[in-house]
Amino acid sequence: MIVRYLTGDPKRLAARASRIIDGEPALVVTDVVLAETAFVLSSVYGVPRRAVVDGLVELLQKRNLTAFRLDKGAVIQGLLLCRPSNRVSFADAMVWAAARSSGAEAVYSFDERFPTGGIAIRRDRP
């Protein structure tokens, strides 16, 4: 639904998505949906990374939309970590947002590209 909303494609489904998303009901979006939407927009539709981030941030700023079990501000910050380059994946940004939302002090990852953004990254090095 979010891909249809952001792309306007196909028009019939985009119009239905707009009626729901721009309507009054309280809506909840998961981190998985956001990461998948970002993947589809960038890989299938060829939307530039900055535009993907900007579109998702604008979506999240809607008053009727909340992030499921995550702080909306942390999700937006996580997405903004993706904006400058391909260094941070959208999935990693959502893991980062979940860590921030839960108050975790560290994330354990072997991924050298995992975003720090104020969270300690613990890597077990041989």
PDB file of N, CA and C in Angstrom:
ATOM      1  N   MET A   1       0.820  -1.183   0.000  1.00  0.00           N
ATOM      2  CA  MET A   1       0.000   0.000   0.000  1.00  0.00           C
ATOM      3  C   MET A   1       0.877   1.265   0.000  1.00  0.00           C
ATOM      4  N   ILE A   2       1.958   1.263   0.771  1.00  0.00           N
ATOM      5  CA  ILE A   2       2.807   2.458   0.842  1.00  0.00           C
ATOM      6  C   ILE A   2       3.526   2.693  -0.481  1.00  0.00           C
ATOM      7  N   VAL A   3       3.959   1.620  -1.137  1.00  0.00           N
ATOM      8  CA  VAL A   3       4.601   1.773  -2.448  1.00  0.00           C
ATOM      9  C   VAL A   3       3.618   2.416  -3.421  1.00  0.00           C
ATOM     10  N   ARG A   4       2.394   1.940  -3.425  1.00  0.00           N
ATOM     11  CA  ARG A   4       1.369   2.510  -4.315  1.00  0.00           C
ATOM     12  C   ARG A   4       1.139   3.986  -3.987  1.00  0.00           C
ATOM     13  N   TYR A   5       1.076   4.279  -2.718  1.00  0.00           N
ATOM     14  CA  TYR A   5       0.856   5.651  -2.259  1.00  0.00           C
ATOM     15  C   TYR A   5       1.982   6.577  -2.724  1.00  0.00           C
ATOM     16  N   LEU A   6       3.212   6.124  -2.559  1.00  0.00           N
ATOM     17  CA  LEU A   6       4.366   6.982  -2.873  1.00  0.00           C
ATOM     18  C   LEU A   6       4.661   7.078  -4.372  1.00  0.00           C
ATOM     19  N   THR A   7       4.325   6.031  -5.122  1.00  0.00           N
ATOM     20  CA  THR A   7       4.636   6.043  -6.554  1.00  0.00           C
ATOM     21  C   THR A   7       3.467   6.520  -7.415  1.00  0.00           C
ATOM     22  N   GLY A   8       2.248   6.381  -6.899  1.00  0.00           N
ATOM     23  CA  GLY A   8       1.086   6.705  -7.718  1.00  0.00           C
ATOM     24  C   GLY A   8       0.825   5.660  -8.789  1.00  0.00           C
ATOM     25  N   ASP A   9       1.411   4.478  -8.627  1.00  0.00           N
ATOM     26  CA  ASP A   9       1.349   3.420  -9.634  1.00  0.00           C
ATOM     27  C   ASP A   9       0.852   2.115  -9.031  1.00  0.00           C
ATOM     28  N   PRO A  10      -0.115   1.469  -9.636  1.00  0.00           N
ATOM     29  CA  PRO A  10      -1.034   1.955 -10.659  1.00  0.00           C
ATOM     30  C   PRO A  10      -2.038   2.931 -10.052  1.00  0.00           C
ATOM     31  N   LYS A  11      -2.573   3.774 -10.877  1.00  0.00           N
ATOM     32  CA  LYS A  11      -3.414   4.884 -10.411  1.00  0.00           C
ATOM     33  C   LYS A  11      -4.595   4.431  -9.544  1.00  0.00           C
ATOM     34  N   ARG A  12      -5.250   3.364  -9.925  1.00  0.00           N
ATOM     35  CA  ARG A  12      -6.424   2.890  -9.180  1.00  0.00           C
ATOM     36  C   ARG A  12      -6.033   2.496  -7.753  1.00  0.00           C
ATOM     37  N   LEU A  13      -4.953   1.750  -7.617  1.00  0.00           N
ATOM     38  CA  LEU A  13      -4.506   1.338  -6.284  1.00  0.00           C
ATOM     39  C   LEU A  13      -3.915   2.514  -5.503  1.00  0.00           C
ATOM     40  N   ALA A  14      -3.245   3.407  -6.207  1.00  0.00           N
ATOM     41  CA  ALA A  14      -2.683   4.591  -5.546  1.00  0.00           C
ATOM     42  C   ALA A  14      -3.792   5.457  -4.959  1.00  0.00           C
ATOM     43  N   ALA A  15      -4.890   5.586  -5.690  1.00  0.00           N
ATOM     44  CA  ALA A  15      -6.022   6.373  -5.190  1.00  0.00           C
ATOM     45  C   ALA A  15      -6.622   5.726  -3.943  1.00  0.00           C
ATOM     46  N   ARG A  16      -6.744   4.414  -3.941  1.00  0.00           N
ATOM     47  CA  ARG A  16      -7.261   3.705  -2.762  1.00  0.00           C
ATOM     48  C   ARG A  16      -6.310   3.870  -1.580  1.00  0.00           C
ATOM     49  N   ALA A  17      -5.017   3.748  -1.841  1.00  0.00           N
ATOM     50  CA  ALA A  17      -4.026   3.918  -0.780  1.00  0.00           C
ATOM     51  C   ALA A  17      -4.084   5.332  -0.214  1.00  0.00           C
ATOM     52  N   SER A  18      -4.241   6.313  -1.075  1.00  0.00           N
ATOM     53  CA  SER A  18      -4.318   7.715  -0.624  1.00  0.00           C
ATOM     54  C   SER A  18      -5.527   7.957   0.263  1.00  0.00           C
ATOM     55  N   ARG A  19      -6.661   7.378  -0.100  1.00  0.00           N
ATOM     56  CA  ARG A  19      -7.863   7.550   0.725  1.00  0.00           C
ATOM     57  C   ARG A  19      -7.632   7.026   2.137  1.00  0.00           C
ATOM     58  N   ILE A  20      -6.906   5.935   2.253  1.00  0.00           N
ATOM     59  CA  ILE A  20      -6.650   5.347   3.572  1.00  0.00           C
ATOM     60  C   ILE A  20      -5.576   6.138   4.311  1.00  0.00           C
ATOM     61  N   ILE A  21      -4.427   6.335   3.674  1.00  0.00           N
ATOM     62  CA  ILE A  21      -3.289   6.968   4.342  1.00  0.00           C
ATOM     63  C   ILE A  21      -3.552   8.433   4.657  1.00  0.00           C
ATOM     64  N   ASP A  22      -4.224   9.121   3.763  1.00  0.00           N
ATOM     65  CA  ASP A  22      -4.526  10.537   3.993  1.00  0.00           C
ATOM     66  C   ASP A  22      -5.815  10.733   4.771  1.00  0.00           C
ATOM     67  N   GLY A  23      -6.471   9.648   5.129  1.00  0.00           N
ATOM     68  CA  GLY A  23      -7.729   9.729   5.864  1.00  0.00           C
ATOM     69  C   GLY A  23      -7.513   9.954   7.350  1.00  0.00           C
ATOM     70  N   GLU A  24      -8.540   9.714   8.096  1.00  0.00           N
ATOM     71  CA  GLU A  24      -8.528   9.969   9.532  1.00  0.00           C
ATOM     72  C   GLU A  24      -8.134   8.771  10.399  1.00  0.00           C
ATOM     73  N   PRO A  25      -8.264   7.536   9.908  1.00  0.00           N
ATOM     74  CA  PRO A  25      -7.990   6.428  10.829  1.00  0.00           C
ATOM     75  C   PRO A  25      -6.537   6.421  11.308  1.00  0.00           C
ATOM     76  N   ALA A  26      -6.363   5.990  12.556  1.00  0.00           N
ATOM     77  CA  ALA A  26      -5.016   5.824  13.092  1.00  0.00           C
ATOM     78  C   ALA A  26      -4.385   4.613  12.405  1.00  0.00           C
ATOM     79  N   LEU A  27      -3.187   4.794  11.892  1.00  0.00           N
ATOM     80  CA  LEU A  27      -2.489   3.735  11.170  1.00  0.00           C
ATOM     81  C   LEU A  27      -1.166   3.415  11.855  1.00  0.00           C
ATOM     82  N   VAL A  28      -0.758   2.170  11.745  1.00  0.00           N
ATOM     83  CA  VAL A  28       0.502   1.717  12.324  1.00  0.00           C
ATOM     84  C   VAL A  28       1.318   1.054  11.212  1.00  0.00           C
ATOM     85  N   VAL A  29       2.591   1.392  11.144  1.00  0.00           N
ATOM     86  CA  VAL A  29       3.477   0.794  10.148  1.00  0.00           C
ATOM     87  C   VAL A  29       4.641   0.132  10.881  1.00  0.00           C
ATOM     88  N   THR A  30       5.051  -1.029  10.386  1.00  0.00           N
ATOM     89  CA  THR A  30       6.163  -1.750  11.021  1.00  0.00           C
ATOM     90  C   THR A  30       7.486  -1.392  10.358  1.00  0.00           C
ATOM     91  N   ASP A  31       8.544  -1.687  11.072  1.00  0.00           N
ATOM     92  CA  ASP A  31       9.883  -1.462  10.530  1.00  0.00           C
ATOM     93  C   ASP A  31      10.137  -2.335   9.303  1.00  0.00           C
ATOM     94  N   VAL A  32       9.584  -3.534   9.300  1.00  0.00           N
ATOM     95  CA  VAL A  32       9.753  -4.433   8.153  1.00  0.00           C
ATOM     96  C   VAL A  32       9.090  -3.837   6.913  1.00  0.00           C
ATOM     97  N   VAL A  33       7.900  -3.282   7.075  1.00  0.00           N
ATOM     98  CA  VAL A  33       7.201  -2.655   5.947  1.00  0.00           C
ATOM     99  C   VAL A  33       8.009  -1.470   5.424  1.00  0.00           C
ATOM    100  N   LEU A  34       8.572  -0.681   6.302  1.00  0.00           N
ATOM    101  CA  LEU A  34       9.372   0.473   5.866  1.00  0.00           C
ATOM    102  C   LEU A  34      10.617   0.024   5.103  1.00  0.00           C
ATOM    103  N   ALA A  35      11.314  -0.987   5.618  1.00  0.00           N
ATOM    104  CA  ALA A  35      12.520  -1.484   4.948  1.00  0.00           C
ATOM    105  C   ALA A  35      12.161  -2.101   3.593  1.00  0.00           C
ATOM    106  N   GLU A  36      11.080  -2.862   3.541  1.00  0.00           N
ATOM    107  CA  GLU A  36      10.653  -3.477   2.279  1.00  0.00           C
ATOM    108  C   GLU A  36      10.221  -2.409   1.278  1.00  0.00           C
ATOM    109  N   THR A  37       9.508  -1.404   1.745  1.00  0.00           N
ATOM    110  CA  THR A  37       9.094  -0.308   0.867  1.00  0.00           C
ATOM    111  C   THR A  37      10.322   0.389   0.281  1.00  0.00           C
ATOM    112  N   ALA A  38      11.304   0.662   1.116  1.00  0.00           N
ATOM    113  CA  ALA A  38      12.532   1.303   0.642  1.00  0.00           C
ATOM    114  C   ALA A  38      13.223   0.438  -0.403  1.00  0.00           C
ATOM    115  N   PHE A  39      13.271  -0.865  -0.167  1.00  0.00           N
ATOM    116  CA  PHE A  39      13.906  -1.791  -1.112  1.00  0.00           C
ATOM    117  C   PHE A  39      13.178  -1.775  -2.450  1.00  0.00           C
ATOM    118  N   VAL A  40      11.863  -1.869  -2.425  1.00  0.00           N
ATOM    119  CA  VAL A  40      11.077  -1.895  -3.661  1.00  0.00           C
ATOM    120  C   VAL A  40      11.216  -0.575  -4.416  1.00  0.00           C
ATOM    121  N   LEU A  41      11.130   0.528  -3.704  1.00  0.00           N
ATOM    122  CA  LEU A  41      11.251   1.831  -4.370  1.00  0.00           C
ATOM    123  C   LEU A  41      12.606   1.991  -5.045  1.00  0.00           C
ATOM    124  N   SER A  42      13.668   1.583  -4.353  1.00  0.00           N
ATOM    125  CA  SER A  42      15.006   1.789  -4.921  1.00  0.00           C
ATOM    126  C   SER A  42      15.366   0.734  -5.966  1.00  0.00           C
ATOM    127  N   SER A  43      15.016  -0.522  -5.735  1.00  0.00           N
ATOM    128  CA  SER A  43      15.462  -1.560  -6.664  1.00  0.00           C
ATOM    129  C   SER A  43      14.491  -1.804  -7.814  1.00  0.00           C
ATOM    130  N   VAL A  44      13.210  -1.759  -7.573  1.00  0.00           N
ATOM    131  CA  VAL A  44      12.234  -2.022  -8.634  1.00  0.00           C
ATOM    132  C   VAL A  44      11.895  -0.749  -9.405  1.00  0.00           C
ATOM    133  N   TYR A  45      11.644   0.333  -8.683  1.00  0.00           N
ATOM    134  CA  TYR A  45      11.248   1.587  -9.323  1.00  0.00           C
ATOM    135  C   TYR A  45      12.436   2.493  -9.664  1.00  0.00           C
ATOM    136  N   GLY A  46      13.607   2.188  -9.139  1.00  0.00           N
ATOM    137  CA  GLY A  46      14.786   2.999  -9.437  1.00  0.00           C
ATOM    138  C   GLY A  46      14.754   4.392  -8.836  1.00  0.00           C
ATOM    139  N   VAL A  47      14.021   4.548  -7.742  1.00  0.00           N
ATOM    140  CA  VAL A  47      13.932   5.840  -7.078  1.00  0.00           C
ATOM    141  C   VAL A  47      15.269   6.110  -6.372  1.00  0.00           C
ATOM    142  N   PRO A  48      15.852   7.286  -6.556  1.00  0.00           N
ATOM    143  CA  PRO A  48      17.115   7.601  -5.875  1.00  0.00           C
ATOM    144  C   PRO A  48      16.968   7.518  -4.350  1.00  0.00           C
ATOM    145  N   ARG A  49      18.019   7.115  -3.709  1.00  0.00           N
ATOM    146  CA  ARG A  49      18.041   6.895  -2.257  1.00  0.00           C
ATOM    147  C   ARG A  49      17.530   8.103  -1.477  1.00  0.00           C
ATOM    148  N   ARG A  50      17.984   9.283  -1.838  1.00  0.00           N
ATOM    149  CA  ARG A  50      17.540  10.494  -1.126  1.00  0.00           C
ATOM    150  C   ARG A  50      16.025  10.664  -1.226  1.00  0.00           C
ATOM    151  N   ALA A  51      15.463  10.395  -2.402  1.00  0.00           N
ATOM    152  CA  ALA A  51      14.019  10.533  -2.599  1.00  0.00           C
ATOM    153  C   ALA A  51      13.260   9.469  -1.812  1.00  0.00           C
ATOM    154  N   VAL A  52      13.829   8.274  -1.716  1.00  0.00           N
ATOM    155  CA  VAL A  52      13.196   7.219  -0.912  1.00  0.00           C
ATOM    156  C   VAL A  52      13.127   7.663   0.549  1.00  0.00           C
ATOM    157  N   VAL A  53      14.240   8.115   1.067  1.00  0.00           N
ATOM    158  CA  VAL A  53      14.283   8.573   2.459  1.00  0.00           C
ATOM    159  C   VAL A  53      13.315   9.736   2.666  1.00  0.00           C
ATOM    160  N   ASP A  54      13.353  10.704   1.788  1.00  0.00           N
ATOM    161  CA  ASP A  54      12.483  11.866   1.940  1.00  0.00           C
ATOM    162  C   ASP A  54      11.005  11.469   1.906  1.00  0.00           C
ATOM    163  N   GLY A  55      10.651  10.548   1.018  1.00  0.00           N
ATOM    164  CA  GLY A  55       9.266  10.096   0.935  1.00  0.00           C
ATOM    165  C   GLY A  55       8.818   9.370   2.183  1.00  0.00           C
ATOM    166  N   LEU A  56       9.671   8.512   2.711  1.00  0.00           N
ATOM    167  CA  LEU A  56       9.322   7.771   3.924  1.00  0.00           C
ATOM    168  C   LEU A  56       9.267   8.688   5.147  1.00  0.00           C
ATOM    169  N   VAL A  57      10.179   9.631   5.225  1.00  0.00           N
ATOM    170  CA  VAL A  57      10.157  10.582   6.341  1.00  0.00           C
ATOM    171  C   VAL A  57       8.873  11.410   6.289  1.00  0.00           C
ATOM    172  N   GLU A  58       8.526  11.883   5.107  1.00  0.00           N
ATOM    173  CA  GLU A  58       7.281  12.660   4.964  1.00  0.00           C
ATOM    174  C   GLU A  58       6.073  11.818   5.370  1.00  0.00           C
ATOM    175  N   LEU A  59       6.061  10.565   4.969  1.00  0.00           N
ATOM    176  CA  LEU A  59       4.978   9.654   5.352  1.00  0.00           C
ATOM    177  C   LEU A  59       4.902   9.526   6.873  1.00  0.00           C
ATOM    178  N   LEU A  60       6.042   9.311   7.497  1.00  0.00           N
ATOM    179  CA  LEU A  60       6.074   9.119   8.955  1.00  0.00           C
ATOM    180  C   LEU A  60       5.675  10.376   9.724  1.00  0.00           C
ATOM    181  N   GLN A  61       5.745  11.508   9.104  1.00  0.00           N
ATOM    182  CA  GLN A  61       5.380  12.739   9.784  1.00  0.00           C
ATOM    183  C   GLN A  61       3.865  12.975   9.817  1.00  0.00           C
ATOM    184  N   LYS A  62       3.121  12.096   9.184  1.00  0.00           N
ATOM    185  CA  LYS A  62       1.662  12.212   9.240  1.00  0.00           C
ATOM    186  C   LYS A  62       1.196  11.961  10.670  1.00  0.00           C
ATOM    187  N   ARG A  63       0.278  12.775  11.117  1.00  0.00           N
ATOM    188  CA  ARG A  63      -0.193  12.678  12.508  1.00  0.00           C
ATOM    189  C   ARG A  63      -0.944  11.390  12.782  1.00  0.00           C
ATOM    190  N   ASN A  64      -1.603  10.823  11.788  1.00  0.00           N
ATOM    191  CA  ASN A  64      -2.392   9.617  12.000  1.00  0.00           C
ATOM    192  C   ASN A  64      -1.572   8.336  11.882  1.00  0.00           C
ATOM    193  N   LEU A  65      -0.272   8.457  11.657  1.00  0.00           N
ATOM    194  CA  LEU A  65       0.569   7.279  11.461  1.00  0.00           C
ATOM    195  C   LEU A  65       1.588   7.142  12.595  1.00  0.00           C
ATOM    196  N   THR A  66       1.691   5.949  13.139  1.00  0.00           N
ATOM    197  CA  THR A  66       2.708   5.670  14.157  1.00  0.00           C
ATOM    198  C   THR A  66       3.534   4.465  13.725  1.00  0.00           C
ATOM    199  N   ALA A  67       4.692   4.337  14.316  1.00  0.00           N
ATOM    200  CA  ALA A  67       5.562   3.189  14.062  1.00  0.00           C
ATOM    201  C   ALA A  67       5.279   2.131  15.121  1.00  0.00           C
ATOM    202  N   PHE A  68       5.078   0.906  14.696  1.00  0.00           N
ATOM    203  CA  PHE A  68       4.740  -0.186  15.606  1.00  0.00           C
ATOM    204  C   PHE A  68       5.887  -0.463  16.568  1.00  0.00           C
ATOM    205  N   ARG A  69       5.635  -0.232  17.849  1.00  0.00           N
ATOM    206  CA  ARG A  69       6.574  -0.508  18.940  1.00  0.00           C
ATOM    207  C   ARG A  69       7.924   0.197  18.805  1.00  0.00           C
ATOM    208  N   LEU A  70       7.960   1.269  18.036  1.00  0.00           N
ATOM    209  CA  LEU A  70       9.189   2.038  17.875  1.00  0.00           C
ATOM    210  C   LEU A  70       8.872   3.510  18.051  1.00  0.00           C
ATOM    211  N   ASP A  71       9.862   4.246  18.503  1.00  0.00           N
ATOM    212  CA  ASP A  71       9.736   5.691  18.591  1.00  0.00           C
ATOM    213  C   ASP A  71       9.815   6.256  17.178  1.00  0.00           C
ATOM    214  N   LYS A  72       8.800   6.992  16.770  1.00  0.00           N
ATOM    215  CA  LYS A  72       8.754   7.535  15.409  1.00  0.00           C
ATOM    216  C   LYS A  72       9.969   8.414  15.119  1.00  0.00           C
ATOM    217  N   GLY A  73      10.405   9.187  16.089  1.00  0.00           N
ATOM    218  CA  GLY A  73      11.585  10.026  15.909  1.00  0.00           C
ATOM    219  C   GLY A  73      12.834   9.201  15.641  1.00  0.00           C
ATOM    220  N   ALA A  74      12.973   8.068  16.325  1.00  0.00           N
ATOM    221  CA  ALA A  74      14.127   7.188  16.101  1.00  0.00           C
ATOM    222  C   ALA A  74      14.072   6.567  14.711  1.00  0.00           C
ATOM    223  N   VAL A  75      12.892   6.218  14.259  1.00  0.00           N
ATOM    224  CA  VAL A  75      12.754   5.659  12.909  1.00  0.00           C
ATOM    225  C   VAL A  75      13.161   6.707  11.873  1.00  0.00           C
ATOM    226  N   ILE A  76      12.718   7.923  12.064  1.00  0.00           N
ATOM    227  CA  ILE A  76      13.085   9.003  11.136  1.00  0.00           C
ATOM    228  C   ILE A  76      14.592   9.234  11.166  1.00  0.00           C
ATOM    229  N   GLN A  77      15.184   9.256  12.353  1.00  0.00           N
ATOM    230  CA  GLN A  77      16.645   9.420  12.454  1.00  0.00           C
ATOM    231  C   GLN A  77      17.363   8.274  11.749  1.00  0.00           C
ATOM    232  N   GLY A  78      16.871   7.058  11.932  1.00  0.00           N
ATOM    233  CA  GLY A  78      17.467   5.901  11.264  1.00  0.00           C
ATOM    234  C   GLY A  78      17.417   6.040   9.752  1.00  0.00           C
ATOM    235  N   LEU A  79      16.271   6.464   9.241  1.00  0.00           N
ATOM    236  CA  LEU A  79      16.154   6.670   7.791  1.00  0.00           C
ATOM    237  C   LEU A  79      17.117   7.748   7.313  1.00  0.00           C
ATOM    238  N   LEU A  80      17.263   8.792   8.093  1.00  0.00           N
ATOM    239  CA  LEU A  80      18.169   9.874   7.692  1.00  0.00           C
ATOM    240  C   LEU A  80      19.624   9.415   7.647  1.00  0.00           C
ATOM    241  N   LEU A  81      19.969   8.365   8.416  1.00  0.00           N
ATOM    242  CA  LEU A  81      21.320   7.803   8.333  1.00  0.00           C
ATOM    243  C   LEU A  81      21.561   7.161   6.963  1.00  0.00           C
ATOM    244  N   CYS A  82      20.494   6.763   6.289  1.00  0.00           N
ATOM    245  CA  CYS A  82      20.588   6.125   4.969  1.00  0.00           C
ATOM    246  C   CYS A  82      20.727   7.143   3.843  1.00  0.00           C
ATOM    247  N   ARG A  83      20.344   8.348   4.104  1.00  0.00           N
ATOM    248  CA  ARG A  83      20.199   9.339   3.039  1.00  0.00           C
ATOM    249  C   ARG A  83      21.492   9.686   2.298  1.00  0.00           C
ATOM    250  N   PRO A  84      22.610   9.903   2.990  1.00  0.00           N
ATOM    251  CA  PRO A  84      23.789  10.402   2.279  1.00  0.00           C
ATOM    252  C   PRO A  84      24.446   9.409   1.319  1.00  0.00           C
ATOM    253  N   SER A  85      24.319   8.104   1.582  1.00  0.00           N
ATOM    254  CA  SER A  85      25.039   7.146   0.736  1.00  0.00           C
ATOM    255  C   SER A  85      24.419   5.758   0.884  1.00  0.00           C
ATOM    256  N   ASN A  86      25.009   4.815   0.176  1.00  0.00           N
ATOM    257  CA  ASN A  86      24.576   3.420   0.293  1.00  0.00           C
ATOM    258  C   ASN A  86      25.257   2.706   1.448  1.00  0.00           C
ATOM    259  N   ARG A  87      25.983   3.430   2.259  1.00  0.00           N
ATOM    260  CA  ARG A  87      26.728   2.818   3.356  1.00  0.00           C
ATOM    261  C   ARG A  87      25.806   2.132   4.345  1.00  0.00           C
ATOM    262  N   VAL A  88      24.694   2.740   4.690  1.00  0.00           N
ATOM    263  CA  VAL A  88      23.766   2.190   5.670  1.00  0.00           C
ATOM    264  C   VAL A  88      22.550   1.631   4.935  1.00  0.00           C
ATOM    265  N   SER A  89      22.256   0.348   5.163  1.00  0.00           N
ATOM    266  CA  SER A  89      21.087  -0.247   4.528  1.00  0.00           C
ATOM    267  C   SER A  89      19.823   0.182   5.270  1.00  0.00           C
ATOM    268  N   PHE A  90      18.696   0.098   4.583  1.00  0.00           N
ATOM    269  CA  PHE A  90      17.425   0.443   5.211  1.00  0.00           C
ATOM    270  C   PHE A  90      17.088  -0.534   6.327  1.00  0.00           C
ATOM    271  N   ALA A  91      17.426  -1.791   6.145  1.00  0.00           N
ATOM    272  CA  ALA A  91      17.177  -2.784   7.196  1.00  0.00           C
ATOM    273  C   ALA A  91      18.012  -2.468   8.441  1.00  0.00           C
ATOM    274  N   ASP A  92      19.288  -2.129   8.241  1.00  0.00           N
ATOM    275  CA  ASP A  92      20.136  -1.762   9.383  1.00  0.00           C
ATOM    276  C   ASP A  92      19.602  -0.511  10.076  1.00  0.00           C
ATOM    277  N   ALA A  93      19.074   0.421   9.304  1.00  0.00           N
ATOM    278  CA  ALA A  93      18.498   1.637   9.897  1.00  0.00           C
ATOM    279  C   ALA A  93      17.330   1.295  10.808  1.00  0.00           C
ATOM    280  N   MET A  94      16.533   0.301  10.430  1.00  0.00           N
ATOM    281  CA  MET A  94      15.396  -0.103  11.263  1.00  0.00           C
ATOM    282  C   MET A  94      15.865  -0.860  12.511  1.00  0.00           C
ATOM    283  N   VAL A  95      16.934  -1.643  12.391  1.00  0.00           N
ATOM    284  CA  VAL A  95      17.521  -2.293  13.574  1.00  0.00           C
ATOM    285  C   VAL A  95      18.054  -1.222  14.518  1.00  0.00           C
ATOM    286  N   TRP A  96      18.721  -0.222  13.966  1.00  0.00           N
ATOM    287  CA  TRP A  96      19.244   0.898  14.762  1.00  0.00           C
ATOM    288  C   TRP A  96      18.093   1.609  15.477  1.00  0.00           C
ATOM    289  N   ALA A  97      16.992   1.870  14.748  1.00  0.00           N
ATOM    290  CA  ALA A  97      15.834   2.549  15.344  1.00  0.00           C
ATOM    291  C   ALA A  97      15.220   1.705  16.463  1.00  0.00           C
ATOM    292  N   ALA A  98      15.178   0.396  16.266  1.00  0.00           N
ATOM    293  CA  ALA A  98      14.645  -0.490  17.315  1.00  0.00           C
ATOM    294  C   ALA A  98      15.531  -0.444  18.550  1.00  0.00           C
ATOM    295  N   ALA A  99      16.844  -0.434  18.338  1.00  0.00           N
ATOM    296  CA  ALA A  99      17.774  -0.349  19.474  1.00  0.00           C
ATOM    297  C   ALA A  99      17.595   0.969  20.210  1.00  0.00           C
ATOM    298  N   ARG A 100      17.492   2.061  19.472  1.00  0.00           N
ATOM    299  CA  ARG A 100      17.278   3.373  20.098  1.00  0.00           C
ATOM    300  C   ARG A 100      15.954   3.420  20.852  1.00  0.00           C
ATOM    301  N   SER A 101      14.920   2.885  20.241  1.00  0.00           N
ATOM    302  CA  SER A 101      13.581   2.905  20.845  1.00  0.00           C
ATOM    303  C   SER A 101      13.528   2.097  22.133  1.00  0.00           C
ATOM    304  N   SER A 102      14.307   1.022  22.191  1.00  0.00           N
ATOM    305  CA  SER A 102      14.277   0.155  23.367  1.00  0.00           C
ATOM    306  C   SER A 102      15.224   0.618  24.467  1.00  0.00           C
ATOM    307  N   GLY A 103      16.073   1.604  24.148  1.00  0.00           N
ATOM    308  CA  GLY A 103      17.041   2.076  25.132  1.00  0.00           C
ATOM    309  C   GLY A 103      18.298   1.227  25.201  1.00  0.00           C
ATOM    310  N   ALA A 104      18.497   0.369  24.218  1.00  0.00           N
ATOM    311  CA  ALA A 104      19.700  -0.481  24.200  1.00  0.00           C
ATOM    312  C   ALA A 104      20.945   0.389  24.146  1.00  0.00           C
ATOM    313  N   GLU A 105      21.960  -0.035  24.857  1.00  0.00           N
ATOM    314  CA  GLU A 105      23.215   0.711  24.871  1.00  0.00           C
ATOM    315  C   GLU A 105      24.173   0.262  23.788  1.00  0.00           C
ATOM    316  N   ALA A 106      23.948  -0.938  23.256  1.00  0.00           N
ATOM    317  CA  ALA A 106      24.856  -1.460  22.239  1.00  0.00           C
ATOM    318  C   ALA A 106      24.114  -2.390  21.303  1.00  0.00           C
ATOM    319  N   VAL A 107      24.646  -2.497  20.096  1.00  0.00           N
ATOM    320  CA  VAL A 107      24.175  -3.461  19.111  1.00  0.00           C
ATOM    321  C   VAL A 107      25.380  -4.324  18.764  1.00  0.00           C
ATOM    322  N   TYR A 108      25.164  -5.617  18.707  1.00  0.00           N
ATOM    323  CA  TYR A 108      26.225  -6.541  18.333  1.00  0.00           C
ATOM    324  C   TYR A 108      26.070  -6.867  16.853  1.00  0.00           C
ATOM    325  N   SER A 109      27.121  -6.607  16.080  1.00  0.00           N
ATOM    326  CA  SER A 109      27.050  -6.819  14.641  1.00  0.00           C
ATOM    327  C   SER A 109      28.443  -7.080  14.085  1.00  0.00           C
ATOM    328  N   PHE A 110      28.515  -7.946  13.096  1.00  0.00           N
ATOM    329  CA  PHE A 110      29.758  -8.155  12.357  1.00  0.00           C
ATOM    330  C   PHE A 110      29.836  -7.202  11.154  1.00  0.00           C
ATOM    331  N   ASP A 111      28.764  -6.505  10.893  1.00  0.00           N
ATOM    332  CA  ASP A 111      28.667  -5.606   9.746  1.00  0.00           C
ATOM    333  C   ASP A 111      29.471  -4.335  10.016  1.00  0.00           C
ATOM    334  N   GLU A 112      30.521  -4.146   9.273  1.00  0.00           N
ATOM    335  CA  GLU A 112      31.382  -2.968   9.436  1.00  0.00           C
ATOM    336  C   GLU A 112      30.667  -1.677   9.042  1.00  0.00           C
ATOM    337  N   ARG A 113      29.578  -1.788   8.286  1.00  0.00           N
ATOM    338  CA  ARG A 113      28.861  -0.601   7.826  1.00  0.00           C
ATOM    339  C   ARG A 113      27.682  -0.249   8.731  1.00  0.00           C
ATOM    340  N   PHE A 114      27.475  -1.001   9.801  1.00  0.00           N
ATOM    341  CA  PHE A 114      26.313  -0.749  10.658  1.00  0.00           C
ATOM    342  C   PHE A 114      26.413   0.666  11.244  1.00  0.00           C
ATOM    343  N   PRO A 115      25.294   1.416  11.220  1.00  0.00           N
ATOM    344  CA  PRO A 115      25.341   2.816  11.687  1.00  0.00           C
ATOM    345  C   PRO A 115      25.576   2.927  13.183  1.00  0.00           C
ATOM    346  N   THR A 116      26.404   3.873  13.576  1.00  0.00           N
ATOM    347  CA  THR A 116      26.620   4.082  14.997  1.00  0.00           C
ATOM    348  C   THR A 116      25.584   5.063  15.533  1.00  0.00           C
ATOM    349  N   GLY A 117      25.572   6.274  15.061  1.00  0.00           N
ATOM    350  CA  GLY A 117      24.557   7.239  15.441  1.00  0.00           C
ATOM    351  C   GLY A 117      24.236   7.281  16.919  1.00  0.00           C
ATOM    352  N   GLY A 118      25.252   7.254  17.765  1.00  0.00           N
ATOM    353  CA  GLY A 118      25.036   7.366  19.197  1.00  0.00           C
ATOM    354  C   GLY A 118      24.844   6.042  19.921  1.00  0.00           C
ATOM    355  N   ILE A 119      24.893   4.929  19.200  1.00  0.00           N
ATOM    356  CA  ILE A 119      24.773   3.615  19.827  1.00  0.00           C
ATOM    357  C   ILE A 119      26.115   2.910  19.663  1.00  0.00           C
ATOM    358  N   ALA A 120      26.580   2.306  20.742  1.00  0.00           N
ATOM    359  CA  ALA A 120      27.841   1.572  20.678  1.00  0.00           C
ATOM    360  C   ALA A 120      27.640   0.309  19.849  1.00  0.00           C
ATOM    361  N   ILE A 121      28.567   0.038  18.969  1.00  0.00           N
ATOM    362  CA  ILE A 121      28.520  -1.168  18.143  1.00  0.00           C
ATOM    363  C   ILE A 121      29.590  -2.109  18.673  1.00  0.00           C
ATOM    364  N   ARG A 122      29.170  -3.295  19.049  1.00  0.00           N
ATOM    365  CA  ARG A 122      30.101  -4.297  19.557  1.00  0.00           C
ATOM    366  C   ARG A 122      30.361  -5.316  18.463  1.00  0.00           C
ATOM    367  N   ARG A 123      31.616  -5.466  18.125  1.00  0.00           N
ATOM    368  CA  ARG A 123      32.005  -6.445  17.106  1.00  0.00           C
ATOM    369  C   ARG A 123      33.027  -7.385  17.736  1.00  0.00           C
ATOM    370  N   ASP A 124      32.754  -8.654  17.617  1.00  0.00           N
ATOM    371  CA  ASP A 124      33.688  -9.654  18.113  1.00  0.00           C
ATOM    372  C   ASP A 124      34.738  -9.870  17.033  1.00  0.00           C
ATOM    373  N   ARG A 125      35.936  -9.431  17.295  1.00  0.00           N
ATOM    374  CA  ARG A 125      36.997  -9.572  16.295  1.00  0.00           C
ATOM    375  C   ARG A 125      37.934 -10.696  16.698  1.00  0.00           C
ATOM    376  N   PRO A 126      38.264 -11.534  15.721  1.00  0.00           N
ATOM    377  CA  PRO A 126      39.186 -12.661  16.017  1.00  0.00           C
ATOM    378  C   PRO A 126      40.568 -12.186  16.385  1.00  0.00           C
TER     379      PRO A 126
END
